C-alpha atoms as a PDB file:
ATOM      1  CA  MET A   1       0.000   0.000   0.000  1.00  0.00           C
ATOM      2  CA  ASN A   2       2.850   2.369   0.885  1.00  0.00           C
ATOM      3  CA  THR A   3       4.486   1.703  -2.489  1.00  0.00           C
ATOM      4  CA  PHE A   4       1.211   2.387  -4.308  1.00  0.00           C
ATOM      5  CA  LEU A   5       0.716   5.682  -2.463  1.00  0.00           C
ATOM      6  CA  ARG A   6       4.222   6.800  -3.323  1.00  0.00           C
ATOM      7  CA  MET A   7       3.638   6.137  -7.006  1.00  0.00           C
ATOM      8  CA  VAL A   8       0.348   8.055  -6.861  1.00  0.00           C
ATOM      9  CA  SER A   9       2.221  10.906  -5.184  1.00  0.00           C
ATOM     10  CA  ASN A  10       4.879  10.704  -7.910  1.00  0.00           C
ATOM     11  CA  ARG A  11       2.293  11.082 -10.681  1.00  0.00           C
ATOM     12  CA  CYS A  12       0.455  13.922  -8.909  1.00  0.00           C
ATOM     13  CA  ILE A  13       3.708  15.815  -8.337  1.00  0.00           C
ATOM     14  CA  ARG A  14       4.610  15.543 -12.010  1.00  0.00           C
ATOM     15  CA  LEU A  15       1.163  16.845 -12.951  1.00  0.00           C
ATOM     16  CA  VAL A  16       1.431  19.836 -10.599  1.00  0.00           C
ATOM     17  CA  GLY A  17       4.997  20.434 -11.749  1.00  0.00           C
ATOM     18  CA  ASN A  18       3.938  20.544 -15.392  1.00  0.00           C
ATOM     19  CA  LEU A  19       1.261  23.106 -14.530  1.00  0.00           C
ATOM     20  CA  VAL A  20       3.923  25.221 -12.798  1.00  0.00           C
ATOM     21  CA  LYS A  21       6.057  25.103 -15.955  1.00  0.00           C
ATOM     22  CA  VAL A  22       3.111  26.186 -18.106  1.00  0.00           C
ATOM     23  CA  VAL A  23       2.313  29.128 -15.820  1.00  0.00           C
ATOM     24  CA  SER A  24       5.992  30.092 -15.578  1.00  0.00           C
ATOM     25  CA  HIS A  25       6.358  30.922 -19.265  1.00  0.00           C
ATOM     26  CA  PRO A  26       3.918  33.884 -19.227  1.00  0.00           C
ATOM     27  CA  PHE A  27       5.098  34.812 -15.705  1.00  0.00           C
ATOM     28  CA  HIS A  28       8.704  35.300 -16.810  1.00  0.00           C
ATOM     29  CA  PHE A  29       7.644  36.822 -20.122  1.00  0.00           C
ATOM     30  CA  LEU A  30       5.763  39.558 -18.267  1.00  0.00           C
ATOM     31  CA  LEU A  31       8.394  39.862 -15.511  1.00  0.00           C
ATOM     32  CA  PRO A  32      11.658  38.988 -17.280  1.00  0.00           C
ATOM     33  CA  ASN A  33      13.938  40.312 -14.537  1.00  0.00           C
ATOM     34  CA  PHE A  34      12.029  39.073 -11.499  1.00  0.00           C
ATOM     35  CA  ARG A  35      13.777  36.363  -9.490  1.00  0.00           C
ATOM     36  CA  PHE A  36      13.148  34.556  -6.220  1.00  0.00           C
ATOM     37  CA  THR A  37      15.878  33.858  -3.678  1.00  0.00           C
ATOM     38  CA  ILE A  38      16.623  30.533  -2.043  1.00  0.00           C
ATOM     39  CA  PRO A  39      17.763  31.110   1.568  1.00  0.00           C
ATOM     40  CA  GLU A  40      21.189  29.992   2.726  1.00  0.00           C
ATOM     41  CA  PHE A  41      19.616  28.418   5.801  1.00  0.00           C
ATOM     42  CA  SER A  42      16.117  27.315   6.736  1.00  0.00           C
ATOM     43  CA  LYS A  43      15.651  25.824  10.192  1.00  0.00           C
ATOM     44  CA  ALA A  44      13.488  22.742  10.690  1.00  0.00           C
ATOM     45  CA  LYS A  45       9.868  23.738  11.310  1.00  0.00           C
ATOM     46  CA  LEU A  46       8.833  20.593  13.186  1.00  0.00           C
ATOM     47  CA  LYS A  47      10.432  18.349  15.762  1.00  0.00           C
ATOM     48  CA  SER A  48      11.008  14.954  14.203  1.00  0.00           C
ATOM     49  CA  ARG A  49       9.332  11.888  15.666  1.00  0.00           C
ATOM     50  CA  ASN A  50      11.351   9.487  13.539  1.00  0.00           C
ATOM     51  CA  ALA A  51      14.874   8.618  14.650  1.00  0.00           C
ATOM     52  CA  SER A  52      17.587   8.559  12.004  1.00  0.00           C
ATOM     53  CA  ALA A  53      21.314   7.859  12.068  1.00  0.00           C
ATOM     54  CA  ILE A  54      21.615  10.120   9.031  1.00  0.00           C
ATOM     55  CA  PRO A  55      21.831  13.790  10.106  1.00  0.00           C
ATOM     56  CA  LYS A  56      18.628  15.717   9.482  1.00  0.00           C
ATOM     57  CA  VAL A  57      19.934  18.344   7.110  1.00  0.00           C
ATOM     58  CA  ILE A  58      19.419  18.818   3.365  1.00  0.00           C
ATOM     59  CA  TRP A  59      22.238  20.307   1.286  1.00  0.00           C
ATOM     60  CA  GLN A  60      21.859  21.967  -2.120  1.00  0.00           C
ATOM     61  CA  THR A  61      23.983  24.100  -4.404  1.00  0.00           C
ATOM     62  CA  ASN A  62      23.594  25.898  -7.732  1.00  0.00           C
ATOM     63  CA  TYR A  63      25.334  28.614  -9.733  1.00  0.00           C
ATOM     64  CA  SER A  64      23.069  31.212  -8.098  1.00  0.00           C
ATOM     65  CA  SER A  65      20.539  31.387  -5.261  1.00  0.00           C
ATOM     66  CA  ARG A  66      18.486  33.806  -7.401  1.00  0.00           C
ATOM     67  CA  CYS A  67      16.121  31.583  -9.325  1.00  0.00           C
ATOM     68  CA  THR A  68      13.066  31.342 -11.522  1.00  0.00           C
ATOM     69  CA  LEU A  69       9.553  30.484 -10.384  1.00  0.00           C
ATOM     70  CA  PRO A  70       9.811  26.713 -11.136  1.00  0.00           C
ATOM     71  CA  ILE A  71      13.052  26.347  -9.176  1.00  0.00           C
ATOM     72  CA  TYR A  72      11.596  28.235  -6.235  1.00  0.00           C
ATOM     73  CA  MET A  73       8.371  26.226  -6.279  1.00  0.00           C
ATOM     74  CA  ASN A  74      10.477  23.077  -6.314  1.00  0.00           C
ATOM     75  CA  TYR A  75      12.393  24.366  -3.284  1.00  0.00           C
ATOM     76  CA  LEU A  76       9.149  25.141  -1.415  1.00  0.00           C
ATOM     77  CA  PHE A  77       7.692  21.736  -2.199  1.00  0.00           C
ATOM     78  CA  ASN A  78      10.819  19.987  -0.933  1.00  0.00           C
ATOM     79  CA  ARG A  79      10.628  22.001   2.286  1.00  0.00           C
ATOM     80  CA  LEU A  80       7.070  20.722   2.765  1.00  0.00           C
ATOM     81  CA  MET A  81       8.430  17.205   2.387  1.00  0.00           C
ATOM     82  CA  SER A  82      11.196  17.856   4.913  1.00  0.00           C
ATOM     83  CA  LEU A  83       9.711  20.085   7.622  1.00  0.00           C
ATOM     84  CA  ASP A  84      11.685  18.281  10.333  1.00  0.00           C
ATOM     85  CA  TYR A  85      14.994  18.857   8.528  1.00  0.00           C
ATOM     86  CA  ASP A  86      17.307  21.851   8.425  1.00  0.00           C
ATOM     87  CA  TYR A  87      18.063  23.171   4.956  1.00  0.00           C
ATOM     88  CA  ARG A  88      21.362  24.631   3.741  1.00  0.00           C
ATOM     89  CA  TYR A  89      22.133  26.217   0.386  1.00  0.00           C
ATOM     90  CA  VAL A  90      25.815  26.597  -0.536  1.00  0.00           C
ATOM     91  CA  SER A  91      26.887  29.073  -3.221  1.00  0.00           C
ATOM     92  CA  THR A  92      29.665  28.547  -5.760  1.00  0.00           C
ATOM     93  CA  GLU A  93      31.955  30.854  -3.793  1.00  0.00           C
ATOM     94  CA  LYS A  94      31.267  29.133  -0.470  1.00  0.00           C
ATOM     95  CA  ARG A  95      31.756  25.720  -2.058  1.00  0.00           C
ATOM     96  CA  GLU A  96      35.311  26.673  -2.932  1.00  0.00           C
ATOM     97  CA  LEU A  97      35.906  28.201   0.493  1.00  0.00           C
ATOM     98  CA  TYR A  98      34.626  25.028   2.140  1.00  0.00           C
ATOM     99  CA  MET A  99      36.934  22.874   0.041  1.00  0.00           C
ATOM    100  CA  LYS A 100      39.883  25.100   0.895  1.00  0.00           C
ATOM    101  CA  GLU A 101      39.210  24.898   4.629  1.00  0.00           C
ATOM    102  CA  HIS A 102      37.904  21.349   5.055  1.00  0.00           C
ATOM    103  CA  ALA A 103      39.166  19.144   2.217  1.00  0.00           C
ATOM    104  CA  PRO A 104      42.590  17.479   2.152  1.00  0.00           C
ATOM    105  CA  LEU A 105      45.110  19.528   0.154  1.00  0.00           C
ATOM    106  CA  ASP A 106      45.258  17.071  -2.760  1.00  0.00           C
ATOM    107  CA  VAL A 107      41.452  17.065  -2.993  1.00  0.00           C
ATOM    108  CA  TYR A 108      41.300  20.878  -2.916  1.00  0.00           C
ATOM    109  CA  ARG A 109      43.966  21.159  -5.623  1.00  0.00           C
ATOM    110  CA  ALA A 110      42.017  18.704  -7.790  1.00  0.00           C
ATOM    111  CA  TYR A 111      38.857  20.750  -7.192  1.00  0.00           C
ATOM    112  CA  LEU A 112      40.602  23.889  -8.475  1.00  0.00           C
ATOM    113  CA  LYS A 113      41.404  22.110 -11.736  1.00  0.00           C
ATOM    114  CA  LEU A 114      37.712  21.629 -12.516  1.00  0.00           C
ATOM    115  CA  ASN A 115      36.326  24.072 -15.059  1.00  0.00           C
ATOM    116  CA  ASP A 116      32.656  23.170 -14.741  1.00  0.00           C
ATOM    117  CA  GLY A 117      30.190  23.974 -11.962  1.00  0.00           C
ATOM    118  CA  ALA A 118      28.475  20.580 -12.067  1.00  0.00           C
ATOM    119  CA  ALA A 119      31.804  18.748 -11.804  1.00  0.00           C
ATOM    120  CA  GLN A 120      32.791  20.973  -8.867  1.00  0.00           C
ATOM    121  CA  ALA A 121      29.437  20.227  -7.204  1.00  0.00           C
ATOM    122  CA  ASP A 122      30.023  16.484  -7.713  1.00  0.00           C
ATOM    123  CA  LEU A 123      33.261  16.572  -5.737  1.00  0.00           C
ATOM    124  CA  TRP A 124      32.036  19.073  -3.156  1.00  0.00           C
ATOM    125  CA  ARG A 125      28.913  17.026  -2.312  1.00  0.00           C
ATOM    126  CA  MET A 126      31.028  13.948  -1.625  1.00  0.00           C
ATOM    127  CA  VAL A 127      33.502  15.816   0.591  1.00  0.00           C
ATOM    128  CA  ASN A 128      30.744  17.676   2.421  1.00  0.00           C
ATOM    129  CA  LEU A 129      28.675  14.555   3.060  1.00  0.00           C
ATOM    130  CA  TYR A 130      31.752  12.579   4.087  1.00  0.00           C
ATOM    131  CA  ASN A 131      32.583  15.257   6.656  1.00  0.00           C
ATOM    132  CA  ASN A 132      29.089  16.160   7.861  1.00  0.00           C
ATOM    133  CA  GLY A 133      26.594  13.572   6.664  1.00  0.00           C
ATOM    134  CA  GLY A 134      23.024  14.457   5.693  1.00  0.00           C
ATOM    135  CA  ILE A 135      21.139  14.529   2.410  1.00  0.00           C
ATOM    136  CA  TYR A 136      22.242  16.066  -0.870  1.00  0.00           C
ATOM    137  CA  MET A 137      19.768  16.834  -3.656  1.00  0.00           C
ATOM    138  CA  ASP A 138      20.314  18.483  -7.031  1.00  0.00           C
ATOM    139  CA  ILE A 139      18.473  21.791  -7.372  1.00  0.00           C
ATOM    140  CA  ASP A 140      15.976  20.201  -9.810  1.00  0.00           C
ATOM    141  CA  ALA A 141      15.338  17.123  -7.649  1.00  0.00           C
ATOM    142  CA  THR A 142      11.927  16.642  -6.024  1.00  0.00           C
ATOM    143  CA  LEU A 143      11.040  14.423  -3.073  1.00  0.00           C
ATOM    144  CA  VAL A 144       7.983  12.248  -3.714  1.00  0.00           C
ATOM    145  CA  TRP A 145       7.402  11.335  -0.058  1.00  0.00           C
ATOM    146  CA  PRO A 146       8.284  12.917   3.317  1.00  0.00           C
ATOM    147  CA  ILE A 147      11.970  12.179   3.741  1.00  0.00           C
ATOM    148  CA  SER A 148      11.664  11.247   7.432  1.00  0.00           C
ATOM    149  CA  MET A 149       9.282   8.448   6.400  1.00  0.00           C
ATOM    150  CA  ILE A 150      11.777   7.152   3.837  1.00  0.00           C
ATOM    151  CA  LEU A 151      14.967   7.021   5.889  1.00  0.00           C
ATOM    152  CA  LYS A 152      14.790   4.149   8.335  1.00  0.00           C
ATOM    153  CA  GLU A 153      16.599   4.385  11.656  1.00  0.00           C
ATOM    154  CA  LYS A 154      18.950   1.538  10.728  1.00  0.00           C
ATOM    155  CA  TYR A 155      20.129   3.210   7.503  1.00  0.00           C
ATOM    156  CA  ASP A 156      23.695   4.449   7.507  1.00  0.00           C
ATOM    157  CA  ALA A 157      23.162   5.479   3.875  1.00  0.00           C
ATOM    158  CA  LEU A 158      20.520   5.366   1.165  1.00  0.00           C
ATOM    159  CA  TYR A 159      21.053   5.396  -2.600  1.00  0.00           C
ATOM    160  CA  ILE A 160      18.550   5.474  -5.427  1.00  0.00           C
ATOM    161  CA  LYS A 161      18.722   3.699  -8.750  1.00  0.00           C
ATOM    162  CA  TYR A 162      17.586   4.859 -12.172  1.00  0.00           C
ATOM    163  CA  LYS A 163      18.137   4.331 -15.903  1.00  0.00           C
ATOM    164  CA  LYS A 164      17.855   1.027 -17.732  1.00  0.00           C
ATOM    165  CA  ASN A 165      15.173  -0.452 -15.524  1.00  0.00           C
ATOM    166  CA  ASP A 166      16.586   1.235 -12.433  1.00  0.00           C
ATOM    167  CA  ALA A 167      19.868  -0.657 -12.672  1.00  0.00           C
ATOM    168  CA  GLU A 168      22.240   2.273 -12.119  1.00  0.00           C
ATOM    169  CA  PHE A 169      22.973   4.367  -9.041  1.00  0.00           C
ATOM    170  CA  THR A 170      22.579   8.134  -9.293  1.00  0.00           C
ATOM    171  CA  ASN A 171      24.240  10.957  -7.386  1.00  0.00           C
ATOM    172  CA  PHE A 172      21.457  13.558  -7.745  1.00  0.00           C
ATOM    173  CA  PHE A 173      20.144  12.269  -4.401  1.00  0.00           C
ATOM    174  CA  LEU A 174      22.467  11.020  -1.675  1.00  0.00           C
ATOM    175  CA  ALA A 175      21.862  10.325   2.014  1.00  0.00           C
ATOM    176  CA  THR A 176      24.536   9.203   4.447  1.00  0.00           C
ATOM    177  CA  ILE A 177      26.089   9.350   7.868  1.00  0.00           C
ATOM    178  CA  ALA A 178      29.459  11.094   8.160  1.00  0.00           C
ATOM    179  CA  LYS A 179      32.675   9.152   7.440  1.00  0.00           C
ATOM    180  CA  ASN A 180      31.040   6.760   4.985  1.00  0.00           C
ATOM    181  CA  THR A 181      33.951   4.728   3.602  1.00  0.00           C
ATOM    182  CA  HIS A 182      32.285   4.407   0.200  1.00  0.00           C
ATOM    183  CA  TYR A 183      32.282   8.186  -0.075  1.00  0.00           C
ATOM    184  CA  LYS A 184      35.983   8.310   0.773  1.00  0.00           C
ATOM    185  CA  SER A 185      36.621   5.855  -2.059  1.00  0.00           C
ATOM    186  CA  VAL A 186      34.525   7.984  -4.452  1.00  0.00           C
ATOM    187  CA  ILE A 187      36.497  11.107  -3.477  1.00  0.00           C
ATOM    188  CA  ASP A 188      39.826   9.333  -4.043  1.00  0.00           C
ATOM    189  CA  LYS A 189      38.655   8.039  -7.430  1.00  0.00           C
ATOM    190  CA  ILE A 190      37.452  11.471  -8.552  1.00  0.00           C
ATOM    191  CA  VAL A 191      40.797  13.025  -7.607  1.00  0.00           C
ATOM    192  CA  LEU A 192      42.581  10.265  -9.524  1.00  0.00           C
ATOM    193  CA  ASN A 193      40.376  10.915 -12.572  1.00  0.00           C
ATOM    194  CA  ILE A 194      41.014  14.657 -12.481  1.00  0.00           C
ATOM    195  CA  ASN A 195      44.769  14.321 -12.150  1.00  0.00           C
ATOM    196  CA  GLY A 196      44.898  11.678 -14.874  1.00  0.00           C
ATOM    197  CA  TYR A 197      42.201  13.209 -17.062  1.00  0.00           C
ATOM    198  CA  LYS A 198      44.195  13.185 -20.311  1.00  0.00           C
ATOM    199  CA  GLY A 199      44.598   9.430 -20.072  1.00  0.00           C
ATOM    200  CA  LEU A 200      40.978   8.567 -19.295  1.00  0.00           C
ATOM    201  CA  LYS A 201      39.201   6.393 -21.845  1.00  0.00           C
ATOM    202  CA  LYS A 202      35.858   7.963 -20.940  1.00  0.00           C
ATOM    203  CA  LYS A 203      35.954  11.680 -20.201  1.00  0.00           C
ATOM    204  CA  GLY A 204      33.313  14.316 -19.447  1.00  0.00           C
ATOM    205  CA  VAL A 205      31.558  15.253 -16.223  1.00  0.00           C
ATOM    206  CA  TYR A 206      29.405  12.129 -16.017  1.00  0.00           C
ATOM    207  CA  ASN A 207      32.375   9.776 -16.144  1.00  0.00           C
ATOM    208  CA  THR A 208      35.008  11.856 -14.342  1.00  0.00           C
ATOM    209  CA  THR A 209      33.182  13.149 -11.267  1.00  0.00           C
ATOM    210  CA  GLY A 210      29.591  11.965 -11.653  1.00  0.00           C
ATOM    211  CA  PRO A 211      27.499   8.776 -11.425  1.00  0.00           C
ATOM    212  CA  THR A 212      30.036   6.605 -13.257  1.00  0.00           C
ATOM    213  CA  VAL A 213      32.454   6.949 -10.343  1.00  0.00           C
ATOM    214  CA  LEU A 214      29.755   6.149  -7.769  1.00  0.00           C
ATOM    215  CA  ASN A 215      28.745   3.039  -9.699  1.00  0.00           C
ATOM    216  CA  GLU A 216      32.339   1.861  -9.970  1.00  0.00           C
ATOM    217  CA  ILE A 217      32.783   2.117  -6.196  1.00  0.00           C
ATOM    218  CA  LEU A 218      29.431   0.549  -5.288  1.00  0.00           C
ATOM    219  CA  ASP A 219      29.709  -2.301  -7.785  1.00  0.00           C
ATOM    220  CA  ASN A 220      29.020  -5.586  -5.961  1.00  0.00           C
ATOM    221  CA  GLN A 221      28.664  -3.752  -2.626  1.00  0.00           C
ATOM    222  CA  GLU A 222      25.685  -4.391  -0.349  1.00  0.00           C
ATOM    223  CA  VAL A 223      24.023  -1.025   0.240  1.00  0.00           C
ATOM    224  CA  ASN A 224      20.542   0.266   1.021  1.00  0.00           C
ATOM    225  CA  PHE A 225      18.787   1.511  -2.108  1.00  0.00           C
ATOM    226  CA  LEU A 226      15.332   2.253  -3.488  1.00  0.00           C
ATOM    227  CA  ARG A 227      14.008   3.022  -6.946  1.00  0.00           C
ATOM    228  CA  ARG A 228      13.988   6.726  -7.722  1.00  0.00           C
ATOM    229  CA  GLY A 229      10.218   6.806  -8.267  1.00  0.00           C
ATOM    230  CA  TYR A 230       9.681   6.024  -4.595  1.00  0.00           C
ATOM    231  CA  VAL A 231      12.138   8.589  -3.235  1.00  0.00           C
ATOM    232  CA  CYS A 232      13.197  11.469  -5.473  1.00  0.00           C
ATOM    233  CA  ILE A 233      12.719  12.435  -9.117  1.00  0.00           C
ATOM    234  CA  GLN A 234      14.232  15.075 -11.411  1.00  0.00           C
ATOM    235  CA  GLY A 235      12.623  17.687 -13.614  1.00  0.00           C
ATOM    236  CA  ALA A 236       9.128  17.507 -12.135  1.00  0.00           C
ATOM    237  CA  PHE A 237       8.847  21.266 -11.579  1.00  0.00           C
ATOM    238  CA  THR A 238      11.593  22.587 -13.789  1.00  0.00           C
ATOM    239  CA  ASN A 239      13.708  21.967 -16.871  1.00  0.00           C
ATOM    240  CA  GLU A 240      16.971  23.180 -18.404  1.00  0.00           C
ATOM    241  CA  TYR A 241      15.378  26.373 -19.759  1.00  0.00           C
ATOM    242  CA  PHE A 242      14.142  27.568 -16.364  1.00  0.00           C
ATOM    243  CA  GLN A 243      17.159  26.306 -14.433  1.00  0.00           C
ATOM    244  CA  TYR A 244      19.601  28.127 -16.715  1.00  0.00           C
ATOM    245  CA  LEU A 245      17.512  31.119 -17.743  1.00  0.00           C
ATOM    246  CA  ASP A 246      20.273  33.433 -16.491  1.00  0.00           C
ATOM    247  CA  LYS A 247      23.064  31.213 -17.783  1.00  0.00           C
ATOM    248  CA  PRO A 248      22.135  30.008 -21.284  1.00  0.00           C
ATOM    249  CA  ARG A 249      23.823  26.733 -22.266  1.00  0.00           C
ATOM    250  CA  GLY A 250      25.233  26.569 -18.760  1.00  0.00           C
ATOM    251  CA  LYS A 251      24.400  22.911 -18.213  1.00  0.00           C
ATOM    252  CA  TRP A 252      27.333  20.521 -18.114  1.00  0.00           C
ATOM    253  CA  THR A 253      26.042  18.674 -21.179  1.00  0.00           C
ATOM    254  CA  HIS A 254      26.969  21.662 -23.367  1.00  0.00           C
ATOM    255  CA  LYS A 255      30.646  21.615 -22.434  1.00  0.00           C
ATOM    256  CA  HIS A 256      33.136  19.758 -24.577  1.00  0.00           C
ATOM    257  CA  GLU A 257      34.977  17.041 -22.699  1.00  0.00           C
ATOM    258  CA  ASP A 258      38.294  18.854 -23.234  1.00  0.00           C
ATOM    259  CA  GLU A 259      36.959  21.864 -21.311  1.00  0.00           C
ATOM    260  CA  ILE A 260      36.157  20.035 -18.074  1.00  0.00           C
ATOM    261  CA  VAL A 261      39.635  20.029 -16.512  1.00  0.00           C
ATOM    262  CA  LYS A 262      42.165  22.882 -16.559  1.00  0.00           C
ATOM    263  CA  PHE A 263      45.809  22.096 -17.187  1.00  0.00           C
ATOM    264  CA  SER A 264      48.625  24.506 -16.369  1.00  0.00           C
END
């Protein structure tokens, strides 16, 4: 029954999200310069009744906290689904500052070589979650069920699968305790990929810092996972146009693989 309700919720969210997209076109046509602002911090509104080993904080980042209507509606909806969680938004500038102050020197130096915001966010999310724990979600990700009802007390981490009949792990949603050894392995592999980028057989953000690395590390490992449709989906409220309205062709998919890493 729980599974059925989650799928119903999934479909309803997509329907509402599509309506938001439709309304957003005339909204931004009439108010082309109007933007909403995602707060750096939003304190939990409710005291949680469900225990969790995973810290009750949601982390997000993007190229700017000033956003369009669909992105902001997505943020508000996620807050409704996580009222017993703190929320933290980290800017591009503060991502780099965090890496400088809290990442090992070799990891920070590798981070500085990255020439793409999505690739930087890939490495930052792993370092941040390894140090602090919590939940990371891409800015276009949408929870389909209250997160406190998804994360069981016994979970030390939760992953979701997607693509090809949900056979592949994704990194657009991650939940973990601090000091997760799998995350340490992912960080080490990303640094290795960056430093040896010219010799990689498969380049680009996806393979260098993204889901490919996570799948390589988790291959044959026993971990807690659920299908994405029961936890978190992408693009329900927004799309590339609205996410990058102030940064046309800013998505990582538009960058040539030779532009991802800087070489001195």
